[in-house]
Amino acid sequence: MPRGRSRKARDAARARVFSHIRVAAVTIAAGLVLVLGAAELISSGKLGFLRTRMRGPGDLSGIAMELERAIDGELVKLGVSGVTSEREDKEDGRYVWPHTKKKGHIPHDISIYEFNLAITRVVRKVGGRVIRGGDQGPDYRGLRTLDMRIGYGDIETHRLVLQQSSGTDERGERPAETSSPRIAIVIDDFGHSGSETIMDLLNLDFPITISVLPHCPYTTDIAHAAHRAGKEVIVHIPMEPRGYPEIDPGEGALMRSHTKEQLVRRIDAAIDDVPHAVGANNHMGSAFTSQHIPMRVLMRKLSDKGLYFLDSMTTPESVGVSEARRAGVPATRNRMFIDSPVDESGRIDVASQLDQLVALARKRGEAVGLGHPHPETLRVLRKALPELESEGIDLVFISELVR
């Protein structure tokens, strides 16, 4: 074979080898991208069904619960009242999941458009989507109804059917007319310790309401210290949460299964354990506060003791304010938690959430925000409270907002 022809043959062979290598490299790289992408989606739960495909339908309970938490938090923040839920388990051959239908009333000062937008944002933030949403009506009173179907992919996990309310709130009266927005800050969960953060919160020179857990090592000492510091003291009564017994509300908790006599004994014990208390709010209680009969027992005792009630709103299904009004107990409700985790790592953003509370107060005239004795909460409040006063925000105790 001639020398030149042999070189050409070798070059052609070499080119074919390099071409095969390039194709193989691209194929491997594409495969790695697909594998890593699928692994990320599976680990995040978004394609969790792939792990169980051979064993049966994928379980979307985790995704549904994450959407539930996001939706409930926004319903509380937006002031939706009279919320009821209907739950059922569903399956379509691919997945199994819990489906929840919620009904309630949208405050008169929030438009259907605003409400739709707010819910859509929080749903998207946790990876869900609004499958369909639109308003119906108006009815004979001129009120419209928002119907939203929410879920993951093409799976509907939630349906919201929420009607506009008339010009009064859920208590049948408007918030008090004031020249300046009013905000009440409540710090929960005092009683476990007497740490430096705890004492520094008590010494903030602003009208902060201190909620003290009964039956804790520092319950009495903290209540006395808060009273000496000029703070308003309320008793933080433990109540049964959803998820009990995995989630423990603590000693002396009020349970749905208790008899009237058992509830009365526990309520009396909690109130008697916290000196200087002028009101009460619920610790946890997402299961207990949604039940009319046990909440009536609580409200009768608060009425007898001359205490007000702050509904912590750990569930939008709480009947706390309505049962308080029925018993003649002055009451109001929490609008949002100012130091709740903003992501799965547990990170909190107190400054941002406090800004949202201020926006609510400017819109509605008043707002209640609940926090906890965290160092970050102390740091932000120490800086923000003087600024809020300088901006014309009235900082008040809860007793000035109950009615």
Protein backbone atom coordinates (compact mmCIF):
# COMPACT_ATOMS: atom_id res chain seq x y z
CA MET A 1 0.00 0.00 0.00
CA PRO A 2 1.44 3.45 -0.89
CA ARG A 3 2.71 5.52 2.00
CA GLY A 4 0.33 8.51 1.44
CA ARG A 5 -2.71 6.30 1.22
CA SER A 6 -1.73 4.54 4.46
CA ARG A 7 -1.52 7.92 6.29
CA LYS A 8 -4.98 8.89 5.03
CA ALA A 9 -6.38 5.60 6.23
CA ARG A 10 -4.82 6.10 9.65
CA ASP A 11 -6.16 9.66 9.86
CA ALA A 12 -9.64 8.49 8.91
CA ALA A 13 -9.53 5.74 11.51
CA ARG A 14 -8.33 8.20 14.14
CA ALA A 15 -11.15 10.60 13.22
CA ARG A 16 -13.70 7.83 13.57
CA VAL A 17 -12.35 6.95 17.02
CA PHE A 18 -12.49 10.58 18.17
CA SER A 19 -16.02 10.88 16.79
CA HIS A 20 -17.11 7.80 18.74
CA ILE A 21 -15.47 9.20 21.88
CA ARG A 22 -17.24 12.55 21.48
CA VAL A 23 -20.60 10.84 20.97
CA ALA A 24 -20.00 8.64 23.99
CA ALA A 25 -18.97 11.62 26.13
CA VAL A 26 -22.04 13.62 25.14
CA THR A 27 -24.27 10.61 25.80
CA ILE A 28 -22.71 10.02 29.23
CA ALA A 29 -22.98 13.71 30.13
CA ALA A 30 -26.63 13.85 29.09
CA GLY A 31 -27.31 10.70 31.05
CA LEU A 32 -25.65 12.16 34.16
CA VAL A 33 -27.73 15.32 33.86
CA LEU A 34 -30.92 13.28 33.63
CA VAL A 35 -29.94 11.03 36.53
CA LEU A 36 -28.88 13.90 38.77
CA GLY A 37 -31.99 15.88 37.88
CA ALA A 38 -34.24 12.93 38.64
CA ALA A 39 -32.36 12.27 41.89
CA GLU A 40 -32.87 15.88 42.95
CA LEU A 41 -36.61 15.73 42.18
CA ILE A 42 -36.98 12.40 43.94
CA SER A 43 -35.10 13.59 47.05
CA SER A 44 -37.25 16.72 47.16
CA GLY A 45 -40.38 14.58 47.05
CA LYS A 46 -41.55 15.96 43.72
CA LEU A 47 -41.01 12.64 41.96
CA GLY A 48 -41.28 10.48 45.01
CA PHE A 49 -43.67 8.19 43.18
CA LEU A 50 -40.70 6.82 41.14
CA ARG A 51 -39.36 5.14 44.25
CA THR A 52 -42.58 3.22 44.77
CA ARG A 53 -43.72 2.76 41.17
CA MET A 54 -43.06 -0.98 41.22
CA ARG A 55 -44.74 -1.35 44.62
CA GLY A 56 -47.88 0.62 43.86
CA PRO A 57 -49.17 4.20 43.64
CA GLY A 58 -46.89 7.02 44.81
CA ASP A 59 -47.82 8.72 48.09
CA LEU A 60 -48.30 12.49 47.77
CA SER A 61 -49.19 13.01 51.45
CA GLY A 62 -46.00 14.97 52.14
CA ILE A 63 -46.63 17.38 49.29
CA ALA A 64 -50.27 17.77 50.30
CA MET A 65 -49.28 18.57 53.90
CA GLU A 66 -46.74 21.17 52.75
CA LEU A 67 -49.42 22.84 50.66
CA GLU A 68 -51.82 22.64 53.62
CA ARG A 69 -49.39 24.50 55.90
CA ALA A 70 -48.78 27.20 53.29
CA ILE A 71 -52.48 27.67 52.55
CA ASP A 72 -53.51 27.71 56.22
CA GLY A 73 -50.86 30.28 57.08
CA GLU A 74 -52.05 32.58 54.32
CA LEU A 75 -55.73 32.15 55.25
CA VAL A 76 -54.89 33.26 58.81
CA LYS A 77 -52.83 36.20 57.57
CA LEU A 78 -55.60 37.32 55.21
CA GLY A 79 -58.18 37.15 57.98
CA VAL A 80 -60.42 34.47 56.48
CA SER A 81 -63.14 33.52 58.96
CA GLY A 82 -65.57 30.66 59.47
CA VAL A 83 -63.25 28.11 57.86
CA THR A 84 -64.48 24.51 57.67
CA SER A 85 -62.75 21.55 56.05
CA GLU A 86 -63.86 18.31 54.45
CA ARG A 87 -61.13 15.69 54.00
CA GLU A 88 -61.03 12.47 52.03
CA ASP A 89 -58.35 10.08 50.73
CA LYS A 90 -58.05 9.76 46.96
CA GLU A 91 -56.26 7.47 44.51
CA ASP A 92 -56.03 7.41 40.72
CA GLY A 93 -53.77 4.41 40.09
CA ARG A 94 -50.65 6.58 39.94
CA TYR A 95 -50.85 8.28 43.33
CA VAL A 96 -52.62 8.28 46.67
CA TRP A 97 -53.17 11.59 48.47
CA PRO A 98 -55.39 13.39 50.98
CA HIS A 99 -57.79 15.91 49.44
CA THR A 100 -59.12 18.84 51.46
CA LYS A 101 -61.99 21.16 50.59
CA LYS A 102 -62.08 24.37 52.62
CA LYS A 103 -64.92 26.84 52.87
CA GLY A 104 -64.85 30.25 54.53
CA HIS A 105 -65.41 33.99 54.22
CA ILE A 106 -63.00 36.55 52.74
CA PRO A 107 -62.82 39.87 54.62
CA HIS A 108 -64.73 42.66 52.94
CA ASP A 109 -61.61 44.80 52.50
CA ILE A 110 -59.77 42.23 50.34
CA SER A 111 -60.74 41.89 46.69
CA ILE A 112 -61.15 38.53 44.98
CA TYR A 113 -58.19 39.43 42.78
CA GLU A 114 -55.92 40.25 45.75
CA PHE A 115 -56.88 37.06 47.51
CA ASN A 116 -56.33 34.91 44.41
CA LEU A 117 -52.91 36.47 43.89
CA ALA A 118 -51.84 35.98 47.53
CA ILE A 119 -52.82 32.30 47.58
CA THR A 120 -51.20 31.70 44.20
CA ARG A 121 -47.89 33.14 45.43
CA VAL A 122 -47.64 30.96 48.54
CA VAL A 123 -48.72 27.84 46.63
CA ARG A 124 -46.03 28.38 43.98
CA LYS A 125 -43.44 29.07 46.67
CA VAL A 126 -43.78 25.50 47.98
CA GLY A 127 -43.82 23.90 44.54
CA GLY A 128 -47.56 23.62 43.97
CA ARG A 129 -49.79 25.20 41.37
CA VAL A 130 -53.26 26.64 40.98
CA ILE A 131 -54.91 24.20 38.61
CA ARG A 132 -57.98 26.35 38.15
CA GLY A 133 -59.28 29.48 39.80
CA GLY A 134 -62.13 31.85 39.21
CA ASP A 135 -64.94 33.72 40.87
CA GLN A 136 -68.66 33.08 40.74
CA GLY A 137 -71.61 35.35 41.31
CA PRO A 138 -72.48 37.86 42.49
CA ASP A 139 -75.32 36.39 44.57
CA TYR A 140 -78.49 38.25 45.57
CA ARG A 141 -76.46 40.26 48.11
CA GLY A 142 -73.90 41.29 45.53
CA LEU A 143 -71.21 39.02 47.03
CA ARG A 144 -68.89 36.91 44.89
CA THR A 145 -67.34 33.50 45.62
CA LEU A 146 -63.78 32.47 44.81
CA ASP A 147 -63.32 28.84 43.75
CA MET A 148 -59.67 27.69 43.59
CA ARG A 149 -58.41 24.21 42.77
CA ILE A 150 -54.84 23.72 43.99
CA GLY A 151 -52.43 20.84 43.77
CA TYR A 152 -49.27 19.36 42.34
CA GLY A 153 -49.02 18.69 38.62
CA ASP A 154 -52.46 17.57 37.50
CA ILE A 155 -53.38 16.24 40.97
CA GLU A 156 -55.83 18.39 42.94
CA THR A 157 -55.01 18.27 46.66
CA HIS A 158 -57.05 21.27 47.79
CA ARG A 159 -60.17 23.15 46.81
CA LEU A 160 -60.97 26.55 48.31
CA VAL A 161 -64.53 27.87 48.13
CA LEU A 162 -64.46 31.26 49.80
CA GLN A 163 -67.22 33.84 49.75
CA GLN A 164 -66.81 37.56 50.18
CA SER A 165 -68.16 38.74 53.52
CA SER A 166 -70.25 41.83 54.04
CA GLY A 167 -68.82 45.03 55.53
CA THR A 168 -68.39 43.51 58.99
CA ASP A 169 -65.77 41.09 60.27
CA GLU A 170 -66.42 37.66 61.77
CA ARG A 171 -67.42 39.17 65.10
CA GLY A 172 -70.16 41.28 63.56
CA GLU A 173 -68.36 44.60 64.05
CA ARG A 174 -65.71 46.71 62.40
CA PRO A 175 -62.24 47.22 63.89
CA ALA A 176 -62.10 50.33 66.04
CA GLU A 177 -61.53 53.56 64.10
CA THR A 178 -58.18 55.10 65.07
CA SER A 179 -55.97 57.79 63.57
CA SER A 180 -52.90 55.51 63.59
CA PRO A 181 -52.41 51.82 62.84
CA ARG A 182 -52.13 49.77 66.03
CA ILE A 183 -49.93 46.70 66.50
CA ALA A 184 -49.81 44.32 69.45
CA ILE A 185 -46.73 42.11 69.75
CA VAL A 186 -47.10 38.94 71.83
CA ILE A 187 -44.16 36.76 72.79
CA ASP A 188 -45.18 33.15 73.52
CA ASP A 189 -43.59 30.22 75.32
CA PHE A 190 -42.12 31.92 78.40
CA GLY A 191 -41.61 29.65 81.40
CA HIS A 192 -38.99 27.14 80.33
CA SER A 193 -35.94 29.23 81.29
CA GLY A 194 -34.69 32.52 82.63
CA SER A 195 -32.05 33.04 79.93
CA GLU A 196 -30.45 36.34 79.02
CA THR A 197 -32.66 36.56 75.91
CA ILE A 198 -35.77 36.05 78.06
CA MET A 199 -34.79 38.82 80.47
CA ASP A 200 -33.78 41.19 77.68
CA LEU A 201 -37.20 40.74 76.04
CA LEU A 202 -38.89 41.57 79.35
CA ASN A 203 -36.78 44.71 79.64
CA LEU A 204 -37.66 46.13 76.22
CA ASP A 205 -39.27 49.49 76.94
CA PHE A 206 -42.35 48.87 74.81
CA PRO A 207 -45.86 47.45 75.48
CA ILE A 208 -45.19 43.80 74.70
CA THR A 209 -47.63 41.13 75.91
CA ILE A 210 -45.91 38.18 77.59
CA SER A 211 -47.57 34.75 77.26
CA VAL A 212 -46.40 32.34 79.98
CA LEU A 213 -46.78 28.57 79.90
CA PRO A 214 -48.13 27.01 83.11
CA HIS A 215 -46.44 24.15 84.98
CA CYS A 216 -42.90 25.04 83.84
CA PRO A 217 -39.76 25.55 86.00
CA TYR A 218 -39.76 29.35 85.56
CA THR A 219 -43.49 30.01 85.19
CA THR A 220 -43.99 31.96 88.43
CA ASP A 221 -40.66 33.82 88.32
CA ILE A 222 -41.18 34.98 84.72
CA ALA A 223 -44.77 36.08 85.37
CA HIS A 224 -43.67 38.17 88.36
CA ALA A 225 -40.70 39.61 86.44
CA ALA A 226 -42.90 40.53 83.46
CA HIS A 227 -45.39 42.25 85.76
CA ARG A 228 -42.63 44.23 87.49
CA ALA A 229 -41.34 45.29 84.06
CA GLY A 230 -44.76 46.76 83.23
CA LYS A 231 -45.67 44.09 80.71
CA GLU A 232 -49.10 42.55 80.23
CA VAL A 233 -49.17 38.88 81.25
CA ILE A 234 -51.41 36.20 79.78
CA VAL A 235 -51.53 32.44 80.34
CA HIS A 236 -50.42 30.28 77.40
CA ILE A 237 -52.75 27.30 77.81
CA PRO A 238 -51.52 24.08 76.12
CA MET A 239 -54.13 22.46 73.86
CA GLU A 240 -54.25 19.37 71.68
CA PRO A 241 -52.63 19.80 68.26
CA ARG A 242 -53.19 17.83 65.11
CA GLY A 243 -50.57 15.12 65.08
CA TYR A 244 -50.93 14.29 68.78
CA PRO A 245 -49.32 12.24 70.37
CA GLU A 246 -46.32 12.60 68.04
CA ILE A 247 -46.54 16.33 68.77
CA ASP A 248 -46.65 16.90 72.53
CA PRO A 249 -48.38 20.11 73.71
CA GLY A 250 -46.97 19.78 77.22
CA GLU A 251 -48.18 19.25 80.76
CA GLY A 252 -51.82 19.99 81.54
CA ALA A 253 -52.93 20.23 77.91
CA LEU A 254 -56.64 20.46 77.12
CA MET A 255 -57.72 17.48 75.02
CA ARG A 256 -60.81 16.89 72.90
CA SER A 257 -61.38 13.59 74.71
CA HIS A 258 -61.62 15.26 78.14
CA THR A 259 -64.90 15.50 79.99
CA LYS A 260 -66.22 18.88 81.03
CA GLU A 261 -65.01 18.26 84.60
CA GLN A 262 -61.50 17.34 83.39
CA LEU A 263 -61.32 20.45 81.22
CA VAL A 264 -62.47 22.71 84.05
CA ARG A 265 -59.82 21.30 86.41
CA ARG A 266 -57.05 21.79 83.85
CA ILE A 267 -58.17 25.29 82.92
CA ASP A 268 -58.31 26.33 86.57
CA ALA A 269 -54.88 24.81 87.21
CA ALA A 270 -53.33 26.63 84.24
CA ILE A 271 -54.79 30.02 85.18
CA ASP A 272 -53.90 29.64 88.87
CA ASP A 273 -50.29 28.79 87.96
CA VAL A 274 -49.64 32.10 86.15
CA PRO A 275 -49.84 35.11 88.47
CA HIS A 276 -50.92 38.52 87.07
CA ALA A 277 -52.61 36.96 84.01
CA VAL A 278 -55.29 39.19 82.46
CA GLY A 279 -55.97 36.98 79.46
CA ALA A 280 -55.21 33.68 77.80
CA ASN A 281 -54.16 32.29 74.44
CA ASN A 282 -53.67 28.81 73.08
CA HIS A 283 -50.37 26.95 72.90
CA MET A 284 -50.63 24.70 69.81
CA GLY A 285 -54.30 23.59 69.79
CA SER A 286 -54.94 23.13 66.07
CA ALA A 287 -57.18 20.14 66.92
CA PHE A 288 -58.78 21.49 70.11
CA THR A 289 -59.63 25.03 68.97
CA SER A 290 -61.62 23.79 65.97
CA GLN A 291 -64.16 22.08 68.26
CA HIS A 292 -67.16 24.10 69.47
CA ILE A 293 -68.12 22.15 72.61
CA PRO A 294 -64.73 22.03 74.38
CA MET A 295 -64.04 25.65 73.40
CA ARG A 296 -67.33 26.64 75.03
CA VAL A 297 -66.12 25.11 78.30
CA LEU A 298 -62.94 27.18 78.04
CA MET A 299 -64.82 30.40 77.29
CA ARG A 300 -67.18 29.96 80.24
CA LYS A 301 -64.18 29.65 82.55
CA LEU A 302 -62.48 32.69 81.05
CA SER A 303 -65.72 34.63 81.49
CA ASP A 304 -65.94 33.54 85.14
CA LYS A 305 -62.33 34.65 85.71
CA GLY A 306 -62.73 37.95 83.86
CA LEU A 307 -60.02 37.13 81.32
CA TYR A 308 -59.88 37.94 77.62
CA PHE A 309 -58.95 35.47 74.88
CA LEU A 310 -56.36 35.81 72.13
CA ASP A 311 -56.77 33.16 69.45
CA SER A 312 -53.27 32.18 68.34
CA MET A 313 -54.83 30.90 65.08
CA THR A 314 -52.74 27.76 64.77
CA THR A 315 -55.48 26.70 62.35
CA PRO A 316 -57.83 28.81 60.22
CA GLU A 317 -60.59 26.44 61.36
CA SER A 318 -60.44 27.76 64.93
CA VAL A 319 -63.77 28.73 66.47
CA GLY A 320 -62.05 30.64 69.29
CA VAL A 321 -63.26 34.14 68.48
CA SER A 322 -66.81 33.08 67.64
CA GLU A 323 -67.14 31.07 70.87
CA ALA A 324 -65.62 33.93 72.86
CA ARG A 325 -68.19 36.33 71.44
CA ARG A 326 -70.94 33.84 72.28
CA ALA A 327 -69.76 33.71 75.91
CA GLY A 328 -69.25 37.48 76.19
CA VAL A 329 -65.47 37.13 76.47
CA PRO A 330 -63.45 39.99 74.93
CA ALA A 331 -61.34 38.50 72.14
CA THR A 332 -59.16 39.07 69.14
CA ARG A 333 -57.03 36.94 66.87
CA ASN A 334 -53.42 36.60 65.81
CA ARG A 335 -52.74 37.66 62.23
CA MET A 336 -49.32 36.07 61.75
CA PHE A 337 -46.27 34.59 63.43
CA ILE A 338 -43.36 36.97 63.05
CA ASP A 339 -40.64 34.37 63.51
CA SER A 340 -41.98 31.22 61.86
CA PRO A 341 -39.47 29.29 59.68
CA VAL A 342 -39.35 30.51 56.09
CA ASP A 343 -37.70 27.39 54.62
CA GLU A 344 -36.94 23.75 55.37
CA SER A 345 -33.65 24.62 57.10
CA GLY A 346 -35.56 26.41 59.85
CA ARG A 347 -34.25 29.86 58.90
CA ILE A 348 -36.34 32.72 60.22
CA ASP A 349 -36.68 36.21 58.75
CA VAL A 350 -38.21 38.31 61.51
CA ALA A 351 -37.62 41.65 59.78
CA SER A 352 -39.49 40.60 56.62
CA GLN A 353 -42.38 39.08 58.55
CA LEU A 354 -42.63 42.13 60.80
CA ASP A 355 -42.85 44.28 57.65
CA GLN A 356 -45.80 42.14 56.53
CA LEU A 357 -47.47 42.64 59.91
CA VAL A 358 -47.05 46.41 59.59
CA ALA A 359 -48.60 46.29 56.10
CA LEU A 360 -51.58 44.40 57.52
CA ALA A 361 -51.99 46.96 60.30
CA ARG A 362 -51.88 49.85 57.83
CA LYS A 363 -54.52 48.15 55.70
CA ARG A 364 -56.86 46.97 58.47
CA GLY A 365 -56.16 49.55 61.19
CA GLU A 366 -54.74 47.01 63.63
CA ALA A 367 -52.92 43.68 63.73
CA VAL A 368 -51.59 41.17 66.23
CA GLY A 369 -48.27 39.37 65.71
CA LEU A 370 -46.97 36.42 67.72
CA GLY A 371 -43.30 35.68 68.26
CA HIS A 372 -41.11 33.52 70.45
CA PRO A 373 -38.13 34.15 72.74
CA HIS A 374 -35.45 33.64 70.07
CA PRO A 375 -32.27 35.75 69.99
CA GLU A 376 -33.08 36.80 66.41
CA THR A 377 -36.57 37.92 67.44
CA LEU A 378 -35.05 40.02 70.24
CA ARG A 379 -32.45 41.53 67.90
CA VAL A 380 -35.04 42.61 65.30
CA LEU A 381 -37.57 43.92 67.83
CA ARG A 382 -34.90 45.94 69.64
CA LYS A 383 -34.12 47.73 66.37
CA ALA A 384 -37.58 47.83 64.77
CA LEU A 385 -39.90 48.91 67.60
CA PRO A 386 -38.42 52.43 68.00
CA GLU A 387 -38.58 52.84 64.21
CA LEU A 388 -42.24 51.79 64.13
CA GLU A 389 -43.15 54.34 66.78
CA SER A 390 -41.33 57.06 64.85
CA GLU A 391 -43.36 56.09 61.76
CA GLY A 392 -46.63 56.66 63.61
CA ILE A 393 -47.44 53.05 64.53
CA ASP A 394 -49.11 52.71 67.94
CA LEU A 395 -47.66 49.76 69.85
CA VAL A 396 -50.26 48.46 72.30
CA PHE A 397 -51.07 45.59 74.64
CA ILE A 398 -53.57 42.94 73.54
CA SER A 399 -56.09 44.28 76.06
CA GLU A 400 -56.39 47.40 73.90
CA LEU A 401 -57.47 45.39 70.84
CA VAL A 402 -59.90 42.87 72.30
CA ARG A 403 -63.59 43.64 72.06
